[in-house]
């Protein structure tokens, strides 16, 4: 292979490696890999009924947060 092709391959692979490293560091910094309760939930909610209950509890929690946000955003008309 020519020196030009080897240099191009080296440059592209270095660039892609740096891009992957940046993506990994970004993911670590923003908490993309933080799922501390994944394995505990898997053991705790091991049948279908408990999974449905967990989904319902998450939905209620989300609705309560949205309701609280709407109440905080309320401003009476002038």
PDB file of N, CA and C in Angstrom:
ATOM      1  N   UNK A   1       0.849  -1.186   0.000  1.00  0.00           N
ATOM      2  CA  UNK A   1       0.000   0.000   0.000  1.00  0.00           C
ATOM      3  C   UNK A   1       0.890   1.243   0.000  1.00  0.00           C
ATOM      4  N   UNK A   2       0.327   2.266  -0.536  1.00  0.00           N
ATOM      5  CA  UNK A   2       1.117   3.493  -0.589  1.00  0.00           C
ATOM      6  C   UNK A   2       1.092   4.204   0.759  1.00  0.00           C
ATOM      7  N   UNK A   3       2.030   5.068   0.955  1.00  0.00           N
ATOM      8  CA  UNK A   3       2.125   5.813   2.214  1.00  0.00           C
ATOM      9  C   UNK A   3       0.920   6.719   2.417  1.00  0.00           C
ATOM     10  N   UNK A   4       0.367   7.235   1.308  1.00  0.00           N
ATOM     11  CA  UNK A   4      -0.779   8.130   1.410  1.00  0.00           C
ATOM     12  C   UNK A   4      -1.996   7.398   1.964  1.00  0.00           C
ATOM     13  N   UNK A   5      -2.240   6.170   1.495  1.00  0.00           N
ATOM     14  CA  UNK A   5      -3.389   5.380   1.962  1.00  0.00           C
ATOM     15  C   UNK A   5      -3.190   5.002   3.426  1.00  0.00           C
ATOM     16  N   UNK A   6      -1.992   4.618   3.806  1.00  0.00           N
ATOM     17  CA  UNK A   6      -1.721   4.271   5.200  1.00  0.00           C
ATOM     18  C   UNK A   6      -1.942   5.477   6.117  1.00  0.00           C
ATOM     19  N   UNK A   7      -1.506   6.638   5.686  1.00  0.00           N
ATOM     20  CA  UNK A   7      -1.724   7.852   6.469  1.00  0.00           C
ATOM     21  C   UNK A   7      -3.190   8.196   6.591  1.00  0.00           C
ATOM     22  N   UNK A   8      -3.925   8.021   5.487  1.00  0.00           N
ATOM     23  CA  UNK A   8      -5.367   8.292   5.509  1.00  0.00           C
ATOM     24  C   UNK A   8      -6.076   7.329   6.458  1.00  0.00           C
ATOM     25  N   UNK A   9      -5.739   6.050   6.379  1.00  0.00           N
ATOM     26  CA  UNK A   9      -6.365   5.059   7.267  1.00  0.00           C
ATOM     27  C   UNK A   9      -6.037   5.344   8.727  1.00  0.00           C
ATOM     28  N   UNK A  10      -4.807   5.736   8.994  1.00  0.00           N
ATOM     29  CA  UNK A  10      -4.404   6.072  10.359  1.00  0.00           C
ATOM     30  C   UNK A  10      -5.144   7.304  10.862  1.00  0.00           C
ATOM     31  N   UNK A  11      -5.282   8.307  10.014  1.00  0.00           N
ATOM     32  CA  UNK A  11      -5.990   9.528  10.412  1.00  0.00           C
ATOM     33  C   UNK A  11      -7.466   9.290  10.664  1.00  0.00           C
ATOM     34  N   UNK A  12      -8.110   8.530   9.770  1.00  0.00           N
ATOM     35  CA  UNK A  12      -9.542   8.246   9.934  1.00  0.00           C
ATOM     36  C   UNK A  12      -9.786   7.401  11.176  1.00  0.00           C
ATOM     37  N   UNK A  13      -8.960   6.377  11.398  1.00  0.00           N
ATOM     38  CA  UNK A  13      -9.162   5.529  12.581  1.00  0.00           C
ATOM     39  C   UNK A  13      -8.907   6.306  13.874  1.00  0.00           C
ATOM     40  N   UNK A  14      -7.945   7.208  13.865  1.00  0.00           N
ATOM     41  CA  UNK A  14      -7.692   8.042  15.039  1.00  0.00           C
ATOM     42  C   UNK A  14      -8.874   8.969  15.299  1.00  0.00           C
ATOM     43  N   UNK A  15      -9.412   9.554  14.229  1.00  0.00           N
ATOM     44  CA  UNK A  15     -10.568  10.441  14.368  1.00  0.00           C
ATOM     45  C   UNK A  15     -11.772   9.682  14.917  1.00  0.00           C
ATOM     46  N   UNK A  16     -12.049   8.499  14.371  1.00  0.00           N
ATOM     47  CA  UNK A  16     -13.194   7.715  14.845  1.00  0.00           C
ATOM     48  C   UNK A  16     -12.998   7.254  16.292  1.00  0.00           C
ATOM     49  N   UNK A  17     -11.786   6.905  16.660  1.00  0.00           N
ATOM     50  CA  UNK A  17     -11.512   6.525  18.048  1.00  0.00           C
ATOM     51  C   UNK A  17     -11.728   7.689  18.997  1.00  0.00           C
ATOM     52  N   UNK A  18     -11.277   8.877  18.588  1.00  0.00           N
ATOM     53  CA  UNK A  18     -11.479  10.066  19.427  1.00  0.00           C
ATOM     54  C   UNK A  18     -12.959  10.397  19.542  1.00  0.00           C
ATOM     55  N   UNK A  19     -13.696  10.229  18.450  1.00  0.00           N
ATOM     56  CA  UNK A  19     -15.137  10.486  18.470  1.00  0.00           C
ATOM     57  C   UNK A  19     -15.845   9.528  19.421  1.00  0.00           C
ATOM     58  N   UNK A  20     -15.441   8.255  19.386  1.00  0.00           N
ATOM     59  CA  UNK A  20     -16.017   7.276  20.313  1.00  0.00           C
ATOM     60  C   UNK A  20     -15.693   7.595  21.758  1.00  0.00           C
ATOM     61  N   UNK A  21     -14.466   8.036  22.017  1.00  0.00           N
ATOM     62  CA  UNK A  21     -14.071   8.405  23.377  1.00  0.00           C
ATOM     63  C   UNK A  21     -14.865   9.611  23.866  1.00  0.00           C
ATOM     64  N   UNK A  22     -15.061  10.584  23.010  1.00  0.00           N
ATOM     65  CA  UNK A  22     -15.852  11.771  23.373  1.00  0.00           C
ATOM     66  C   UNK A  22     -17.288  11.364  23.682  1.00  0.00           C
ATOM     67  N   UNK A  23     -17.859  10.459  22.862  1.00  0.00           N
ATOM     68  CA  UNK A  23     -19.229  10.000  23.104  1.00  0.00           C
ATOM     69  C   UNK A  23     -19.326   9.255  24.433  1.00  0.00           C
ATOM     70  N   UNK A  24     -18.334   8.437  24.743  1.00  0.00           N
ATOM     71  CA  UNK A  24     -18.335   7.717  26.015  1.00  0.00           C
ATOM     72  C   UNK A  24     -18.245   8.677  27.194  1.00  0.00           C
ATOM     73  N   UNK A  25     -17.363   9.645  27.122  1.00  0.00           N
ATOM     74  CA  UNK A  25     -17.224  10.620  28.213  1.00  0.00           C
ATOM     75  C   UNK A  25     -18.492  11.450  28.372  1.00  0.00           C
ATOM     76  N   UNK A  26     -19.113  11.822  27.252  1.00  0.00           N
ATOM     77  CA  UNK A  26     -20.377  12.558  27.331  1.00  0.00           C
ATOM     78  C   UNK A  26     -21.438  11.711  28.026  1.00  0.00           C
ATOM     79  N   UNK A  27     -21.522  10.438  27.660  1.00  0.00           N
ATOM     80  CA  UNK A  27     -22.503   9.547  28.276  1.00  0.00           C
ATOM     81  C   UNK A  27     -22.272   9.385  29.767  1.00  0.00           C
ATOM     82  N   UNK A  28     -21.029   9.277  30.167  1.00  0.00           N
ATOM     83  CA  UNK A  28     -20.727   9.162  31.594  1.00  0.00           C
ATOM     84  C   UNK A  28     -21.071  10.438  32.344  1.00  0.00           C
ATOM     85  N   UNK A  29     -20.771  11.579  31.733  1.00  0.00           N
ATOM     86  CA  UNK A  29     -21.004  12.860  32.399  1.00  0.00           C
ATOM     87  C   UNK A  29     -22.498  13.167  32.544  1.00  0.00           C
ATOM     88  N   UNK A  30     -23.302  12.783  31.553  1.00  0.00           N
ATOM     89  CA  UNK A  30     -24.728  13.097  31.596  1.00  0.00           C
ATOM     90  C   UNK A  30     -25.556  12.013  32.259  1.00  0.00           C
ATOM     91  N   UNK A  31     -24.919  10.953  32.744  1.00  0.00           N
ATOM     92  CA  UNK A  31     -25.647   9.922  33.483  1.00  0.00           C
ATOM     93  C   UNK A  31     -26.384   8.936  32.601  1.00  0.00           C
ATOM     94  N   UNK A  32     -25.950   8.731  31.381  1.00  0.00           N
ATOM     95  CA  UNK A  32     -26.619   7.799  30.478  1.00  0.00           C
ATOM     96  C   UNK A  32     -26.493   6.355  30.947  1.00  0.00           C
ATOM     97  N   UNK A  33     -25.488   6.051  31.739  1.00  0.00           N
ATOM     98  CA  UNK A  33     -25.252   4.685  32.174  1.00  0.00           C
ATOM     99  C   UNK A  33     -25.666   4.458  33.624  1.00  0.00           C
ATOM    100  N   UNK A  34     -26.300   5.427  34.247  1.00  0.00           N
ATOM    101  CA  UNK A  34     -26.717   5.296  35.643  1.00  0.00           C
ATOM    102  C   UNK A  34     -28.091   4.644  35.713  1.00  0.00           C
ATOM    103  N   UNK A  35     -28.119   3.388  35.990  1.00  0.00           N
ATOM    104  CA  UNK A  35     -29.370   2.658  36.173  1.00  0.00           C
ATOM    105  C   UNK A  35     -29.179   1.729  37.359  1.00  0.00           C
ATOM    106  N   UNK A  36     -29.129   2.336  38.529  1.00  0.00           N
ATOM    107  CA  UNK A  36     -28.780   1.591  39.727  1.00  0.00           C
ATOM    108  C   UNK A  36     -29.857   0.602  40.138  1.00  0.00           C
ATOM    109  N   UNK A  37     -31.090   0.847  39.757  1.00  0.00           N
ATOM    110  CA  UNK A  37     -32.169  -0.020  40.214  1.00  0.00           C
ATOM    111  C   UNK A  37     -32.570  -1.071  39.190  1.00  0.00           C
ATOM    112  N   UNK A  38     -31.863  -1.179  38.074  1.00  0.00           N
ATOM    113  CA  UNK A  38     -32.251  -2.120  37.024  1.00  0.00           C
ATOM    114  C   UNK A  38     -32.272  -3.557  37.531  1.00  0.00           C
ATOM    115  N   UNK A  39     -31.207  -3.999  38.152  1.00  0.00           N
ATOM    116  CA  UNK A  39     -31.141  -5.385  38.593  1.00  0.00           C
ATOM    117  C   UNK A  39     -32.037  -5.626  39.808  1.00  0.00           C
ATOM    118  N   UNK A  40     -32.156  -4.628  40.664  1.00  0.00           N
ATOM    119  CA  UNK A  40     -33.056  -4.778  41.813  1.00  0.00           C
ATOM    120  C   UNK A  40     -34.502  -4.866  41.358  1.00  0.00           C
ATOM    121  N   UNK A  41     -34.885  -4.052  40.377  1.00  0.00           N
ATOM    122  CA  UNK A  41     -36.255  -4.108  39.858  1.00  0.00           C
ATOM    123  C   UNK A  41     -36.519  -5.440  39.166  1.00  0.00           C
ATOM    124  N   UNK A  42     -35.510  -5.964  38.509  1.00  0.00           N
ATOM    125  CA  UNK A  42     -35.672  -7.256  37.845  1.00  0.00           C
ATOM    126  C   UNK A  42     -35.968  -8.364  38.838  1.00  0.00           C
ATOM    127  N   UNK A  43     -35.357  -8.319  39.983  1.00  0.00           N
ATOM    128  CA  UNK A  43     -35.603  -9.338  41.003  1.00  0.00           C
ATOM    129  C   UNK A  43     -36.899  -9.059  41.761  1.00  0.00           C
ATOM    130  N   UNK A  44     -37.193  -7.788  41.994  1.00  0.00           N
ATOM    131  CA  UNK A  44     -38.367  -7.417  42.761  1.00  0.00           C
ATOM    132  C   UNK A  44     -39.655  -7.622  41.974  1.00  0.00           C
ATOM    133  N   UNK A  45     -39.657  -7.231  40.719  1.00  0.00           N
ATOM    134  CA  UNK A  45     -40.857  -7.304  39.891  1.00  0.00           C
ATOM    135  C   UNK A  45     -40.690  -8.439  38.884  1.00  0.00           C
ATOM    136  N   UNK A  46     -40.753  -9.665  39.383  1.00  0.00           N
ATOM    137  CA  UNK A  46     -40.465 -10.782  38.500  1.00  0.00           C
ATOM    138  C   UNK A  46     -41.706 -11.427  37.894  1.00  0.00           C
ATOM    139  N   UNK A  47     -42.900 -11.002  38.272  1.00  0.00           N
ATOM    140  CA  UNK A  47     -44.068 -11.552  37.592  1.00  0.00           C
ATOM    141  C   UNK A  47     -44.854 -10.425  36.923  1.00  0.00           C
ATOM    142  N   UNK A  48     -45.790 -10.795  36.116  1.00  0.00           N
ATOM    143  CA  UNK A  48     -46.493  -9.832  35.271  1.00  0.00           C
ATOM    144  C   UNK A  48     -47.324  -8.827  36.067  1.00  0.00           C
ATOM    145  N   UNK A  49     -47.979  -9.280  37.098  1.00  0.00           N
ATOM    146  CA  UNK A  49     -48.828  -8.392  37.897  1.00  0.00           C
ATOM    147  C   UNK A  49     -47.999  -7.302  38.587  1.00  0.00           C
ATOM    148  N   UNK A  50     -46.873  -7.689  39.138  1.00  0.00           N
ATOM    149  CA  UNK A  50     -46.026  -6.699  39.799  1.00  0.00           C
ATOM    150  C   UNK A  50     -45.428  -5.718  38.806  1.00  0.00           C
ATOM    151  N   UNK A  51     -45.141  -6.184  37.592  1.00  0.00           N
ATOM    152  CA  UNK A  51     -44.651  -5.270  36.559  1.00  0.00           C
ATOM    153  C   UNK A  51     -45.727  -4.252  36.187  1.00  0.00           C
ATOM    154  N   UNK A  52     -46.965  -4.718  36.054  1.00  0.00           N
ATOM    155  CA  UNK A  52     -48.066  -3.773  35.753  1.00  0.00           C
ATOM    156  C   UNK A  52     -48.235  -2.757  36.877  1.00  0.00           C
ATOM    157  N   UNK A  53     -48.127  -3.222  38.118  1.00  0.00           N
ATOM    158  CA  UNK A  53     -48.221  -2.307  39.248  1.00  0.00           C
ATOM    159  C   UNK A  53     -47.099  -1.273  39.227  1.00  0.00           C
ATOM    160  N   UNK A  54     -45.893  -1.711  38.880  1.00  0.00           N
ATOM    161  CA  UNK A  54     -44.756  -0.788  38.818  1.00  0.00           C
ATOM    162  C   UNK A  54     -44.958   0.247  37.722  1.00  0.00           C
ATOM    163  N   UNK A  55     -45.484  -0.176  36.574  1.00  0.00           N
ATOM    164  CA  UNK A  55     -45.749   0.767  35.480  1.00  0.00           C
ATOM    165  C   UNK A  55     -46.822   1.760  35.903  1.00  0.00           C
ATOM    166  N   UNK A  56     -47.852   1.285  36.585  1.00  0.00           N
ATOM    167  CA  UNK A  56     -48.922   2.167  37.045  1.00  0.00           C
ATOM    168  C   UNK A  56     -48.386   3.176  38.065  1.00  0.00           C
ATOM    169  N   UNK A  57     -47.511   2.737  38.955  1.00  0.00           N
ATOM    170  CA  UNK A  57     -46.932   3.651  39.944  1.00  0.00           C
ATOM    171  C   UNK A  57     -46.071   4.716  39.259  1.00  0.00           C
ATOM    172  N   UNK A  58     -45.292   4.315  38.255  1.00  0.00           N
ATOM    173  CA  UNK A  58     -44.486   5.283  37.505  1.00  0.00           C
ATOM    174  C   UNK A  58     -45.377   6.289  36.791  1.00  0.00           C
ATOM    175  N   UNK A  59     -46.472   5.825  36.210  1.00  0.00           N
ATOM    176  CA  UNK A  59     -47.405   6.718  35.514  1.00  0.00           C
ATOM    177  C   UNK A  59     -48.033   7.713  36.493  1.00  0.00           C
ATOM    178  N   UNK A  60     -48.439   7.235  37.677  1.00  0.00           N
ATOM    179  CA  UNK A  60     -49.017   8.132  38.679  1.00  0.00           C
ATOM    180  C   UNK A  60     -48.004   9.169  39.143  1.00  0.00           C
ATOM    181  N   UNK A  61     -46.764   8.733  39.313  1.00  0.00           N
ATOM    182  CA  UNK A  61     -45.710   9.653  39.739  1.00  0.00           C
ATOM    183  C   UNK A  61     -45.493  10.739  38.681  1.00  0.00           C
ATOM    184  N   UNK A  62     -45.490  10.333  37.417  1.00  0.00           N
ATOM    185  CA  UNK A  62     -45.309  11.282  36.320  1.00  0.00           C
ATOM    186  C   UNK A  62     -46.483  12.261  36.250  1.00  0.00           C
ATOM    187  N   UNK A  63     -47.701  11.760  36.408  1.00  0.00           N
ATOM    188  CA  UNK A  63     -48.880  12.632  36.388  1.00  0.00           C
ATOM    189  C   UNK A  63     -48.856  13.620  37.550  1.00  0.00           C
ATOM    190  N   UNK A  64     -48.410  13.169  38.724  1.00  0.00           N
ATOM    191  CA  UNK A  64     -48.338  14.063  39.874  1.00  0.00           C
ATOM    192  C   UNK A  64     -47.325  15.177  39.631  1.00  0.00           C
ATOM    193  N   UNK A  65     -46.193  14.841  39.022  1.00  0.00           N
ATOM    194  CA  UNK A  65     -45.189  15.862  38.709  1.00  0.00           C
ATOM    195  C   UNK A  65     -45.717  16.858  37.684  1.00  0.00           C
ATOM    196  N   UNK A  66     -46.441  16.366  36.675  1.00  0.00           N
ATOM    197  CA  UNK A  66     -47.013  17.267  35.673  1.00  0.00           C
ATOM    198  C   UNK A  66     -48.066  18.181  36.300  1.00  0.00           C
ATOM    199  N   UNK A  67     -48.886  17.631  37.209  1.00  0.00           N
ATOM    200  CA  UNK A  67     -49.913  18.430  37.870  1.00  0.00           C
ATOM    201  C   UNK A  67     -49.262  19.514  38.736  1.00  0.00           C
ATOM    202  N   UNK A  68     -48.216  19.140  39.443  1.00  0.00           N
ATOM    203  CA  UNK A  68     -47.510  20.107  40.282  1.00  0.00           C
ATOM    204  C   UNK A  68     -46.894  21.205  39.427  1.00  0.00           C
ATOM    205  N   UNK A  69     -46.352  20.826  38.275  1.00  0.00           N
ATOM    206  CA  UNK A  69     -45.760  21.815  37.380  1.00  0.00           C
ATOM    207  C   UNK A  69     -46.828  22.767  36.843  1.00  0.00           C
ATOM    208  N   UNK A  70     -47.999  22.208  36.479  1.00  0.00           N
ATOM    209  CA  UNK A  70     -49.092  23.064  35.988  1.00  0.00           C
ATOM    210  C   UNK A  70     -49.563  24.036  37.073  1.00  0.00           C
ATOM    211  N   UNK A  71     -49.609  23.567  38.314  1.00  0.00           N
ATOM    212  CA  UNK A  71     -50.041  24.434  39.405  1.00  0.00           C
ATOM    213  C   UNK A  71     -49.031  25.549  39.657  1.00  0.00           C
ATOM    214  N   UNK A  72     -47.752  25.235  39.504  1.00  0.00           N
ATOM    215  CA  UNK A  72     -46.714  26.244  39.696  1.00  0.00           C
ATOM    216  C   UNK A  72     -46.674  27.236  38.543  1.00  0.00           C
ATOM    217  N   UNK A  73     -47.092  26.815  37.359  1.00  0.00           N
ATOM    218  CA  UNK A  73     -47.081  27.698  36.203  1.00  0.00           C
ATOM    219  C   UNK A  73     -48.330  28.575  36.107  1.00  0.00           C
ATOM    220  N   UNK A  74     -49.319  28.360  36.980  1.00  0.00           N
ATOM    221  CA  UNK A  74     -50.569  29.099  36.904  1.00  0.00           C
ATOM    222  C   UNK A  74     -50.334  30.551  37.310  1.00  0.00           C
ATOM    223  N   UNK A  75     -50.837  31.453  36.475  1.00  0.00           N
ATOM    224  CA  UNK A  75     -50.781  32.884  36.780  1.00  0.00           C
ATOM    225  C   UNK A  75     -52.164  33.477  36.478  1.00  0.00           C
ATOM    226  N   UNK A  76     -52.774  34.113  37.451  1.00  0.00           N
ATOM    227  CA  UNK A  76     -54.105  34.679  37.207  1.00  0.00           C
ATOM    228  C   UNK A  76     -54.055  35.806  36.183  1.00  0.00           C
ATOM    229  N   UNK A  77     -55.194  35.977  35.509  1.00  0.00           N
ATOM    230  CA  UNK A  77     -55.268  37.048  34.488  1.00  0.00           C
ATOM    231  C   UNK A  77     -55.271  38.402  35.191  1.00  0.00           C
ATOM    232  N   UNK A  78     -54.750  39.385  34.483  1.00  0.00           N
ATOM    233  CA  UNK A  78     -54.702  40.743  35.024  1.00  0.00           C
ATOM    234  C   UNK A  78     -56.019  41.446  34.860  1.00  0.00           C
TER     235      UNK A  78
END
